[in-house]
Amino acid sequence: MSKSELLTQQETMMAAAQGWSLCHVYDLDSNKWRLQIWGMPSSEMIGQRVVSMARAGDNLATKALRLVMSSQQQGTV
């Protein structure tokens, strides 16, 4: 996945305003880089919120989830 396929600068700022970000994380189990949604108070809670936002039609949340799923299927970022 090339860098151009990730969030734009404006999308990154919008995500930050919503309390989350899309980050590269190294998965020790698979020894590969993956994309993951991170945020506070916990990434699990933020991930659930982003899923809810995507279900409600939020285009940014949908794009982020699509990128995360693509990174999981490809095994690399």
PDB file of N, CA and C in Angstrom:
ATOM      1  N   MET A   1       0.865  -1.177   0.000  1.00  0.00           N
ATOM      2  CA  MET A   1       0.000   0.000   0.000  1.00  0.00           C
ATOM      3  C   MET A   1       0.900   1.225   0.000  1.00  0.00           C
ATOM      4  N   SER A   2       0.694   2.077  -0.949  1.00  0.00           N
ATOM      5  CA  SER A   2       1.536   3.268  -1.036  1.00  0.00           C
ATOM      6  C   SER A   2       1.017   4.359  -0.111  1.00  0.00           C
ATOM      7  N   LYS A   3       1.905   5.292   0.197  1.00  0.00           N
ATOM      8  CA  LYS A   3       1.538   6.393   1.078  1.00  0.00           C
ATOM      9  C   LYS A   3       0.393   7.224   0.508  1.00  0.00           C
ATOM     10  N   SER A   4       0.281   7.284  -0.829  1.00  0.00           N
ATOM     11  CA  SER A   4      -0.772   8.079  -1.446  1.00  0.00           C
ATOM     12  C   SER A   4      -2.160   7.495  -1.210  1.00  0.00           C
ATOM     13  N   GLU A   5      -2.226   6.248  -0.785  1.00  0.00           N
ATOM     14  CA  GLU A   5      -3.513   5.618  -0.542  1.00  0.00           C
ATOM     15  C   GLU A   5      -4.021   5.842   0.878  1.00  0.00           C
ATOM     16  N   LEU A   6      -3.230   6.490   1.717  1.00  0.00           N
ATOM     17  CA  LEU A   6      -3.639   6.743   3.097  1.00  0.00           C
ATOM     18  C   LEU A   6      -4.465   8.014   3.162  1.00  0.00           C
ATOM     19  N   LEU A   7      -4.765   8.467   4.352  1.00  0.00           N
ATOM     20  CA  LEU A   7      -5.572   9.666   4.534  1.00  0.00           C
ATOM     21  C   LEU A   7      -4.824  10.912   4.069  1.00  0.00           C
ATOM     22  N   THR A   8      -5.552  11.851   3.518  1.00  0.00           N
ATOM     23  CA  THR A   8      -4.966  13.133   3.143  1.00  0.00           C
ATOM     24  C   THR A   8      -4.684  13.937   4.415  1.00  0.00           C
ATOM     25  N   GLN A   9      -3.979  15.045   4.265  1.00  0.00           N
ATOM     26  CA  GLN A   9      -3.688  15.894   5.420  1.00  0.00           C
ATOM     27  C   GLN A   9      -4.991  16.420   6.027  1.00  0.00           C
ATOM     28  N   GLN A  10      -5.924  16.822   5.188  1.00  0.00           N
ATOM     29  CA  GLN A  10      -7.209  17.315   5.692  1.00  0.00           C
ATOM     30  C   GLN A  10      -7.978  16.206   6.399  1.00  0.00           C
ATOM     31  N   GLU A  11      -7.980  14.992   5.843  1.00  0.00           N
ATOM     32  CA  GLU A  11      -8.657  13.863   6.487  1.00  0.00           C
ATOM     33  C   GLU A  11      -8.011  13.523   7.817  1.00  0.00           C
ATOM     34  N   THR A  12      -6.674  13.595   7.869  1.00  0.00           N
ATOM     35  CA  THR A  12      -5.957  13.335   9.122  1.00  0.00           C
ATOM     36  C   THR A  12      -6.362  14.346  10.191  1.00  0.00           C
ATOM     37  N   MET A  13      -6.495  15.615   9.794  1.00  0.00           N
ATOM     38  CA  MET A  13      -6.915  16.658  10.748  1.00  0.00           C
ATOM     39  C   MET A  13      -8.360  16.422  11.205  1.00  0.00           C
ATOM     40  N   MET A  14      -9.233  16.007  10.283  1.00  0.00           N
ATOM     41  CA  MET A  14     -10.625  15.720  10.641  1.00  0.00           C
ATOM     42  C   MET A  14     -10.701  14.544  11.616  1.00  0.00           C
ATOM     43  N   ALA A  15      -9.909  13.513  11.362  1.00  0.00           N
ATOM     44  CA  ALA A  15      -9.874  12.356  12.259  1.00  0.00           C
ATOM     45  C   ALA A  15      -9.395  12.775  13.645  1.00  0.00           C
ATOM     46  N   ALA A  16      -8.350  13.586  13.694  1.00  0.00           N
ATOM     47  CA  ALA A  16      -7.829  14.056  14.985  1.00  0.00           C
ATOM     48  C   ALA A  16      -8.887  14.855  15.745  1.00  0.00           C
ATOM     49  N   ALA A  17      -9.655  15.654  15.026  1.00  0.00           N
ATOM     50  CA  ALA A  17     -10.726  16.422  15.665  1.00  0.00           C
ATOM     51  C   ALA A  17     -11.805  15.510  16.227  1.00  0.00           C
ATOM     52  N   GLN A  18     -11.943  14.310  15.632  1.00  0.00           N
ATOM     53  CA  GLN A  18     -12.905  13.326  16.120  1.00  0.00           C
ATOM     54  C   GLN A  18     -12.308  12.428  17.204  1.00  0.00           C
ATOM     55  N   GLY A  19     -11.008  12.587  17.479  1.00  0.00           N
ATOM     56  CA  GLY A  19     -10.364  11.848  18.569  1.00  0.00           C
ATOM     57  C   GLY A  19      -9.683  10.555  18.177  1.00  0.00           C
ATOM     58  N   TRP A  20      -9.365  10.394  16.889  1.00  0.00           N
ATOM     59  CA  TRP A  20      -8.692   9.170  16.469  1.00  0.00           C
ATOM     60  C   TRP A  20      -7.680   9.464  15.376  1.00  0.00           C
ATOM     61  N   SER A  21      -6.841   8.464  15.108  1.00  0.00           N
ATOM     62  CA  SER A  21      -5.868   8.579  14.027  1.00  0.00           C
ATOM     63  C   SER A  21      -5.632   7.202  13.427  1.00  0.00           C
ATOM     64  N   LEU A  22      -5.118   7.200  12.221  1.00  0.00           N
ATOM     65  CA  LEU A  22      -4.767   5.974  11.520  1.00  0.00           C
ATOM     66  C   LEU A  22      -3.259   5.842  11.617  1.00  0.00           C
ATOM     67  N   CYS A  23      -2.780   4.757  12.244  1.00  0.00           N
ATOM     68  CA  CYS A  23      -1.353   4.616  12.535  1.00  0.00           C
ATOM     69  C   CYS A  23      -0.789   3.307  12.001  1.00  0.00           C
ATOM     70  N   HIS A  24       0.490   3.323  11.671  1.00  0.00           N
ATOM     71  CA  HIS A  24       1.209   2.096  11.324  1.00  0.00           C
ATOM     72  C   HIS A  24       1.626   1.416  12.625  1.00  0.00           C
ATOM     73  N   VAL A  25       1.323   0.133  12.738  1.00  0.00           N
ATOM     74  CA  VAL A  25       1.648  -0.639  13.936  1.00  0.00           C
ATOM     75  C   VAL A  25       2.346  -1.920  13.495  1.00  0.00           C
ATOM     76  N   TYR A  26       3.425  -2.264  14.182  1.00  0.00           N
ATOM     77  CA  TYR A  26       4.126  -3.507  13.852  1.00  0.00           C
ATOM     78  C   TYR A  26       3.502  -4.649  14.629  1.00  0.00           C
ATOM     79  N   ASP A  27       3.016  -5.656  13.919  1.00  0.00           N
ATOM     80  CA  ASP A  27       2.377  -6.828  14.528  1.00  0.00           C
ATOM     81  C   ASP A  27       3.450  -7.878  14.798  1.00  0.00           C
ATOM     82  N   LEU A  28       3.740  -8.101  16.068  1.00  0.00           N
ATOM     83  CA  LEU A  28       4.791  -9.055  16.443  1.00  0.00           C
ATOM     84  C   LEU A  28       4.429 -10.489  16.090  1.00  0.00           C
ATOM     85  N   ASP A  29       3.144 -10.813  16.070  1.00  0.00           N
ATOM     86  CA  ASP A  29       2.726 -12.182  15.744  1.00  0.00           C
ATOM     87  C   ASP A  29       2.999 -12.517  14.277  1.00  0.00           C
ATOM     88  N   SER A  30       2.739 -11.578  13.390  1.00  0.00           N
ATOM     89  CA  SER A  30       2.934 -11.834  11.961  1.00  0.00           C
ATOM     90  C   SER A  30       4.234 -11.241  11.425  1.00  0.00           C
ATOM     91  N   ASN A  31       4.910 -10.428  12.252  1.00  0.00           N
ATOM     92  CA  ASN A  31       6.136  -9.751  11.833  1.00  0.00           C
ATOM     93  C   ASN A  31       5.914  -8.865  10.612  1.00  0.00           C
ATOM     94  N   LYS A  32       4.763  -8.162  10.604  1.00  0.00           N
ATOM     95  CA  LYS A  32       4.429  -7.282   9.489  1.00  0.00           C
ATOM     96  C   LYS A  32       3.823  -5.989  10.008  1.00  0.00           C
ATOM     97  N   TRP A  33       3.952  -4.935   9.200  1.00  0.00           N
ATOM     98  CA  TRP A  33       3.323  -3.657   9.507  1.00  0.00           C
ATOM     99  C   TRP A  33       1.855  -3.702   9.114  1.00  0.00           C
ATOM    100  N   ARG A  34       1.006  -3.104   9.926  1.00  0.00           N
ATOM    101  CA  ARG A  34      -0.424  -3.042   9.663  1.00  0.00           C
ATOM    102  C   ARG A  34      -0.922  -1.638   9.998  1.00  0.00           C
ATOM    103  N   LEU A  35      -2.077  -1.298   9.462  1.00  0.00           N
ATOM    104  CA  LEU A  35      -2.735  -0.052   9.847  1.00  0.00           C
ATOM    105  C   LEU A  35      -3.708  -0.349  10.967  1.00  0.00           C
ATOM    106  N   GLN A  36      -3.816   0.584  11.894  1.00  0.00           N
ATOM    107  CA  GLN A  36      -4.751   0.431  13.000  1.00  0.00           C
ATOM    108  C   GLN A  36      -5.289   1.798  13.393  1.00  0.00           C
ATOM    109  N   ILE A  37      -6.513   1.817  13.846  1.00  0.00           N
ATOM    110  CA  ILE A  37      -7.116   3.051  14.349  1.00  0.00           C
ATOM    111  C   ILE A  37      -6.749   3.177  15.814  1.00  0.00           C
ATOM    112  N   TRP A  38      -6.167   4.328  16.165  1.00  0.00           N
ATOM    113  CA  TRP A  38      -5.735   4.583  17.539  1.00  0.00           C
ATOM    114  C   TRP A  38      -6.461   5.794  18.089  1.00  0.00           C
ATOM    115  N   GLY A  39      -6.634   5.810  19.390  1.00  0.00           N
ATOM    116  CA  GLY A  39      -7.243   6.952  20.038  1.00  0.00           C
ATOM    117  C   GLY A  39      -7.334   6.750  21.537  1.00  0.00           C
ATOM    118  N   MET A  40      -7.842   7.741  22.209  1.00  0.00           N
ATOM    119  CA  MET A  40      -7.991   7.705  23.670  1.00  0.00           C
ATOM    120  C   MET A  40      -9.468   7.753  24.012  1.00  0.00           C
ATOM    121  N   PRO A  41      -9.939   7.141  25.046  1.00  0.00           N
ATOM    122  CA  PRO A  41      -9.184   6.515  26.125  1.00  0.00           C
ATOM    123  C   PRO A  41      -8.619   5.146  25.775  1.00  0.00           C
ATOM    124  N   SER A  42      -9.178   4.450  24.781  1.00  0.00           N
ATOM    125  CA  SER A  42      -8.579   3.191  24.349  1.00  0.00           C
ATOM    126  C   SER A  42      -8.842   3.011  22.858  1.00  0.00           C
ATOM    127  N   SER A  43      -7.920   2.338  22.204  1.00  0.00           N
ATOM    128  CA  SER A  43      -8.084   2.123  20.770  1.00  0.00           C
ATOM    129  C   SER A  43      -9.285   1.238  20.481  1.00  0.00           C
ATOM    130  N   GLU A  44      -9.587   0.326  21.380  1.00  0.00           N
ATOM    131  CA  GLU A  44     -10.762  -0.536  21.190  1.00  0.00           C
ATOM    132  C   GLU A  44     -12.043   0.295  21.192  1.00  0.00           C
ATOM    133  N   MET A  45     -12.164   1.208  22.148  1.00  0.00           N
ATOM    134  CA  MET A  45     -13.349   2.061  22.214  1.00  0.00           C
ATOM    135  C   MET A  45     -13.436   2.974  20.995  1.00  0.00           C
ATOM    136  N   ILE A  46     -12.309   3.535  20.594  1.00  0.00           N
ATOM    137  CA  ILE A  46     -12.295   4.418  19.425  1.00  0.00           C
ATOM    138  C   ILE A  46     -12.625   3.626  18.170  1.00  0.00           C
ATOM    139  N   GLY A  47     -12.082   2.413  18.060  1.00  0.00           N
ATOM    140  CA  GLY A  47     -12.381   1.568  16.912  1.00  0.00           C
ATOM    141  C   GLY A  47     -13.874   1.297  16.799  1.00  0.00           C
ATOM    142  N   GLN A  48     -14.512   1.022  17.922  1.00  0.00           N
ATOM    143  CA  GLN A  48     -15.956   0.789  17.928  1.00  0.00           C
ATOM    144  C   GLN A  48     -16.705   2.050  17.504  1.00  0.00           C
ATOM    145  N   ARG A  49     -16.220   3.201  17.958  1.00  0.00           N
ATOM    146  CA  ARG A  49     -16.859   4.463  17.578  1.00  0.00           C
ATOM    147  C   ARG A  49     -16.712   4.721  16.081  1.00  0.00           C
ATOM    148  N   VAL A  50     -15.535   4.438  15.527  1.00  0.00           N
ATOM    149  CA  VAL A  50     -15.307   4.637  14.098  1.00  0.00           C
ATOM    150  C   VAL A  50     -16.199   3.688  13.287  1.00  0.00           C
ATOM    151  N   VAL A  51     -16.354   2.455  13.750  1.00  0.00           N
ATOM    152  CA  VAL A  51     -17.261   1.514  13.079  1.00  0.00           C
ATOM    153  C   VAL A  51     -18.681   2.071  13.101  1.00  0.00           C
ATOM    154  N   SER A  52     -19.117   2.584  14.240  1.00  0.00           N
ATOM    155  CA  SER A  52     -20.462   3.169  14.339  1.00  0.00           C
ATOM    156  C   SER A  52     -20.617   4.360  13.401  1.00  0.00           C
ATOM    157  N   MET A  53     -19.590   5.184  13.322  1.00  0.00           N
ATOM    158  CA  MET A  53     -19.628   6.338  12.429  1.00  0.00           C
ATOM    159  C   MET A  53     -19.733   5.889  10.972  1.00  0.00           C
ATOM    160  N   ALA A  54     -18.986   4.830  10.617  1.00  0.00           N
ATOM    161  CA  ALA A  54     -19.041   4.314   9.245  1.00  0.00           C
ATOM    162  C   ALA A  54     -20.433   3.777   8.937  1.00  0.00           C
ATOM    163  N   ARG A  55     -21.015   3.075   9.880  1.00  0.00           N
ATOM    164  CA  ARG A  55     -22.373   2.546   9.685  1.00  0.00           C
ATOM    165  C   ARG A  55     -23.389   3.668   9.510  1.00  0.00           C
ATOM    166  N   ALA A  56     -23.110   4.812  10.109  1.00  0.00           N
ATOM    167  CA  ALA A  56     -24.009   5.964  10.005  1.00  0.00           C
ATOM    168  C   ALA A  56     -23.759   6.771   8.725  1.00  0.00           C
ATOM    169  N   GLY A  57     -22.783   6.328   7.920  1.00  0.00           N
ATOM    170  CA  GLY A  57     -22.538   6.977   6.640  1.00  0.00           C
ATOM    171  C   GLY A  57     -21.379   7.948   6.595  1.00  0.00           C
ATOM    172  N   ASP A  58     -20.546   8.001   7.630  1.00  0.00           N
ATOM    173  CA  ASP A  58     -19.396   8.900   7.644  1.00  0.00           C
ATOM    174  C   ASP A  58     -18.339   8.391   6.656  1.00  0.00           C
ATOM    175  N   ASN A  59     -18.067   9.177   5.623  1.00  0.00           N
ATOM    176  CA  ASN A  59     -17.133   8.764   4.569  1.00  0.00           C
ATOM    177  C   ASN A  59     -15.708   8.585   5.068  1.00  0.00           C
ATOM    178  N   LEU A  60     -15.251   9.434   5.974  1.00  0.00           N
ATOM    179  CA  LEU A  60     -13.891   9.333   6.500  1.00  0.00           C
ATOM    180  C   LEU A  60     -13.721   8.046   7.298  1.00  0.00           C
ATOM    181  N   ALA A  61     -14.676   7.736   8.152  1.00  0.00           N
ATOM    182  CA  ALA A  61     -14.616   6.502   8.944  1.00  0.00           C
ATOM    183  C   ALA A  61     -14.637   5.288   8.020  1.00  0.00           C
ATOM    184  N   THR A  62     -15.460   5.332   6.999  1.00  0.00           N
ATOM    185  CA  THR A  62     -15.541   4.228   6.037  1.00  0.00           C
ATOM    186  C   THR A  62     -14.206   4.039   5.328  1.00  0.00           C
ATOM    187  N   LYS A  63     -13.586   5.136   4.918  1.00  0.00           N
ATOM    188  CA  LYS A  63     -12.289   5.055   4.244  1.00  0.00           C
ATOM    189  C   LYS A  63     -11.240   4.462   5.178  1.00  0.00           C
ATOM    190  N   ALA A  64     -11.202   4.923   6.421  1.00  0.00           N
ATOM    191  CA  ALA A  64     -10.222   4.412   7.382  1.00  0.00           C
ATOM    192  C   ALA A  64     -10.398   2.913   7.596  1.00  0.00           C
ATOM    193  N   LEU A  65     -11.635   2.466   7.748  1.00  0.00           N
ATOM    194  CA  LEU A  65     -11.875   1.035   7.948  1.00  0.00           C
ATOM    195  C   LEU A  65     -11.491   0.231   6.713  1.00  0.00           C
ATOM    196  N   ARG A  66     -11.752   0.779   5.535  1.00  0.00           N
ATOM    197  CA  ARG A  66     -11.360   0.106   4.295  1.00  0.00           C
ATOM    198  C   ARG A  66      -9.837  -0.047   4.234  1.00  0.00           C
ATOM    199  N   LEU A  67      -9.108   0.992   4.631  1.00  0.00           N
ATOM    200  CA  LEU A  67      -7.643   0.927   4.637  1.00  0.00           C
ATOM    201  C   LEU A  67      -7.128  -0.087   5.653  1.00  0.00           C
ATOM    202  N   VAL A  68      -7.741  -0.115   6.831  1.00  0.00           N
ATOM    203  CA  VAL A  68      -7.335  -1.078   7.859  1.00  0.00           C
ATOM    204  C   VAL A  68      -7.572  -2.502   7.360  1.00  0.00           C
ATOM    205  N   MET A  69      -8.732  -2.759   6.798  1.00  0.00           N
ATOM    206  CA  MET A  69      -9.043  -4.100   6.301  1.00  0.00           C
ATOM    207  C   MET A  69      -8.109  -4.495   5.160  1.00  0.00           C
ATOM    208  N   SER A  70      -7.799  -3.575   4.282  1.00  0.00           N
ATOM    209  CA  SER A  70      -6.878  -3.850   3.190  1.00  0.00           C
ATOM    210  C   SER A  70      -5.499  -4.208   3.720  1.00  0.00           C
ATOM    211  N   SER A  71      -5.067  -3.506   4.757  1.00  0.00           N
ATOM    212  CA  SER A  71      -3.761  -3.778   5.347  1.00  0.00           C
ATOM    213  C   SER A  71      -3.749  -5.161   6.003  1.00  0.00           C
ATOM    214  N   GLN A  72      -4.868  -5.568   6.588  1.00  0.00           N
ATOM    215  CA  GLN A  72      -4.960  -6.897   7.211  1.00  0.00           C
ATOM    216  C   GLN A  72      -4.914  -7.986   6.146  1.00  0.00           C
ATOM    217  N   GLN A  73      -5.573  -7.779   5.012  1.00  0.00           N
ATOM    218  CA  GLN A  73      -5.621  -8.776   3.950  1.00  0.00           C
ATOM    219  C   GLN A  73      -4.288  -8.874   3.221  1.00  0.00           C
ATOM    220  N   GLN A  74      -3.643  -7.743   3.009  1.00  0.00           N
ATOM    221  CA  GLN A  74      -2.376  -7.737   2.290  1.00  0.00           C
ATOM    222  C   GLN A  74      -1.229  -8.184   3.176  1.00  0.00           C
ATOM    223  N   GLY A  75      -1.375  -7.979   4.467  1.00  0.00           N
ATOM    224  CA  GLY A  75      -0.325  -8.373   5.390  1.00  0.00           C
ATOM    225  C   GLY A  75       0.804  -7.378   5.512  1.00  0.00           C
ATOM    226  N   THR A  76       0.760  -6.316   4.729  1.00  0.00           N
ATOM    227  CA  THR A  76       1.801  -5.303   4.819  1.00  0.00           C
ATOM    228  C   THR A  76       1.184  -3.936   4.576  1.00  0.00           C
ATOM    229  N   VAL A  77       1.898  -2.920   4.991  1.00  0.00           N
ATOM    230  CA  VAL A  77       1.451  -1.543   4.774  1.00  0.00           C
ATOM    231  C   VAL A  77       2.510  -0.832   3.981  1.00  0.00           C
TER     232      VAL A  77
END
